[in-house]
Amino acid sequence: MKEVAALLVKHYDLHEGKFDLLLEYQFGAGAFGPTPETVNPGIMIGISKLGLTQSAQPGPLTVDAAEINPPPVQPRKKKA
């Protein structure tokens, strides 16, 4: 989960702040089974969205954008 958060920090080009992975789940209920004769009630759980949320209190899965994606260093201009 920490690696997914790190990928999102790089994708969104974030350079500062601490972030946690945000997952949004979707639930569905229905009849499931390998054959029509063996159908049983069941529930499916899926991930519908992934994102980042700024961390109020850093935890074990919190990522630091400054460490993962440091800002680019601007080259110094030469004096003429």
C-alpha atoms as a PDB file:
ATOM      1  CA  MET A   1       0.000   0.000   0.000  1.00  0.00           C
ATOM      2  CA  LYS A   2       2.918   2.292   0.721  1.00  0.00           C
ATOM      3  CA  GLU A   3       4.305   1.650  -2.765  1.00  0.00           C
ATOM      4  CA  VAL A   4       0.970   2.564  -4.381  1.00  0.00           C
ATOM      5  CA  ALA A   5       0.904   5.827  -2.382  1.00  0.00           C
ATOM      6  CA  ALA A   6       4.469   6.563  -3.542  1.00  0.00           C
ATOM      7  CA  LEU A   7       3.454   5.996  -7.177  1.00  0.00           C
ATOM      8  CA  LEU A   8       0.522   8.393  -6.790  1.00  0.00           C
ATOM      9  CA  VAL A   9       2.779  11.049  -5.216  1.00  0.00           C
ATOM     10  CA  LYS A  10       5.018  10.848  -8.300  1.00  0.00           C
ATOM     11  CA  HIS A  11       2.025  10.743 -10.674  1.00  0.00           C
ATOM     12  CA  TYR A  12       0.524  13.923  -9.191  1.00  0.00           C
ATOM     13  CA  ASP A  13       4.020  15.519  -9.027  1.00  0.00           C
ATOM     14  CA  LEU A  14       3.766  16.328  -5.312  1.00  0.00           C
ATOM     15  CA  HIS A  15       6.984  17.577  -3.701  1.00  0.00           C
ATOM     16  CA  GLU A  16       6.006  18.287  -0.105  1.00  0.00           C
ATOM     17  CA  GLY A  17       3.613  17.014   2.520  1.00  0.00           C
ATOM     18  CA  LYS A  18       2.797  13.678   4.105  1.00  0.00           C
ATOM     19  CA  PHE A  19       0.103  11.518   2.525  1.00  0.00           C
ATOM     20  CA  ASP A  20      -1.859   8.320   3.120  1.00  0.00           C
ATOM     21  CA  LEU A  21      -3.448   6.110   0.496  1.00  0.00           C
ATOM     22  CA  LEU A  22      -7.200   6.615   0.147  1.00  0.00           C
ATOM     23  CA  LEU A  23      -9.299   3.654  -0.971  1.00  0.00           C
ATOM     24  CA  GLU A  24     -12.991   3.806  -1.837  1.00  0.00           C
ATOM     25  CA  TYR A  25     -14.784   0.482  -1.767  1.00  0.00           C
ATOM     26  CA  GLN A  26     -17.896  -0.630  -3.588  1.00  0.00           C
ATOM     27  CA  PHE A  27     -20.081  -3.484  -2.336  1.00  0.00           C
ATOM     28  CA  GLY A  28     -22.491  -5.635  -4.306  1.00  0.00           C
ATOM     29  CA  ALA A  29     -24.812  -8.434  -3.222  1.00  0.00           C
ATOM     30  CA  GLY A  30     -26.263 -11.140  -5.372  1.00  0.00           C
ATOM     31  CA  ALA A  31     -26.440 -14.815  -6.184  1.00  0.00           C
ATOM     32  CA  PHE A  32     -23.070 -16.391  -6.988  1.00  0.00           C
ATOM     33  CA  GLY A  33     -21.962 -19.888  -7.891  1.00  0.00           C
ATOM     34  CA  PRO A  34     -20.034 -21.920 -10.444  1.00  0.00           C
ATOM     35  CA  THR A  35     -23.222 -23.435 -11.901  1.00  0.00           C
ATOM     36  CA  PRO A  36     -26.911 -22.468 -11.804  1.00  0.00           C
ATOM     37  CA  GLU A  37     -27.604 -25.421  -9.500  1.00  0.00           C
ATOM     38  CA  THR A  38     -25.039 -24.339  -6.869  1.00  0.00           C
ATOM     39  CA  VAL A  39     -25.893 -20.645  -6.559  1.00  0.00           C
ATOM     40  CA  ASN A  40     -25.655 -19.120  -3.080  1.00  0.00           C
ATOM     41  CA  PRO A  41     -26.162 -15.611  -1.748  1.00  0.00           C
ATOM     42  CA  GLY A  42     -22.941 -13.664  -1.613  1.00  0.00           C
ATOM     43  CA  ILE A  43     -21.232 -10.306  -1.484  1.00  0.00           C
ATOM     44  CA  MET A  44     -18.521  -8.878  -3.728  1.00  0.00           C
ATOM     45  CA  ILE A  45     -16.185  -6.112  -2.607  1.00  0.00           C
ATOM     46  CA  GLY A  46     -14.258  -4.040  -5.115  1.00  0.00           C
ATOM     47  CA  ILE A  47     -12.054  -0.957  -5.048  1.00  0.00           C
ATOM     48  CA  SER A  48     -13.777   1.809  -6.996  1.00  0.00           C
ATOM     49  CA  LYS A  49     -11.270   4.657  -6.452  1.00  0.00           C
ATOM     50  CA  LEU A  50      -7.670   5.206  -5.369  1.00  0.00           C
ATOM     51  CA  GLY A  51      -6.295   8.505  -4.186  1.00  0.00           C
ATOM     52  CA  LEU A  52      -4.225  10.345  -1.626  1.00  0.00           C
ATOM     53  CA  THR A  53      -5.268  12.147   1.503  1.00  0.00           C
ATOM     54  CA  GLN A  54      -3.050  14.521   3.437  1.00  0.00           C
ATOM     55  CA  SER A  55      -2.024  12.902   6.695  1.00  0.00           C
ATOM     56  CA  ALA A  56      -2.971  14.687   9.923  1.00  0.00           C
ATOM     57  CA  GLN A  57      -1.039  12.179  12.045  1.00  0.00           C
ATOM     58  CA  PRO A  58       1.681  10.151  10.303  1.00  0.00           C
ATOM     59  CA  GLY A  59       1.272   6.399  10.627  1.00  0.00           C
ATOM     60  CA  PRO A  60       3.069   3.279   9.412  1.00  0.00           C
ATOM     61  CA  LEU A  61       1.744   3.656   5.854  1.00  0.00           C
ATOM     62  CA  THR A  62       2.283   7.428   5.534  1.00  0.00           C
ATOM     63  CA  VAL A  63       4.608   8.586   2.757  1.00  0.00           C
ATOM     64  CA  ASP A  64       6.615  11.821   2.672  1.00  0.00           C
ATOM     65  CA  ALA A  65       6.471  13.505  -0.730  1.00  0.00           C
ATOM     66  CA  ALA A  66       9.741  15.383  -0.091  1.00  0.00           C
ATOM     67  CA  GLU A  67      11.590  12.058   0.238  1.00  0.00           C
ATOM     68  CA  ILE A  68       9.815  10.205  -2.577  1.00  0.00           C
ATOM     69  CA  ASN A  69       9.648  12.994  -5.145  1.00  0.00           C
ATOM     70  CA  PRO A  70      12.084  15.815  -4.276  1.00  0.00           C
ATOM     71  CA  PRO A  71      11.684  19.037  -6.250  1.00  0.00           C
ATOM     72  CA  PRO A  72      13.970  19.331  -9.275  1.00  0.00           C
ATOM     73  CA  VAL A  73      17.174  21.277  -8.719  1.00  0.00           C
ATOM     74  CA  GLN A  74      17.450  24.358 -10.906  1.00  0.00           C
ATOM     75  CA  PRO A  75      20.860  24.718 -12.546  1.00  0.00           C
ATOM     76  CA  ARG A  76      22.743  27.863 -11.603  1.00  0.00           C
ATOM     77  CA  LYS A  77      23.127  30.515 -14.266  1.00  0.00           C
ATOM     78  CA  LYS A  78      26.696  31.406 -15.134  1.00  0.00           C
ATOM     79  CA  LYS A  79      27.702  35.007 -14.667  1.00  0.00           C
ATOM     80  CA  ALA A  80      28.857  36.681 -17.851  1.00  0.00           C
END
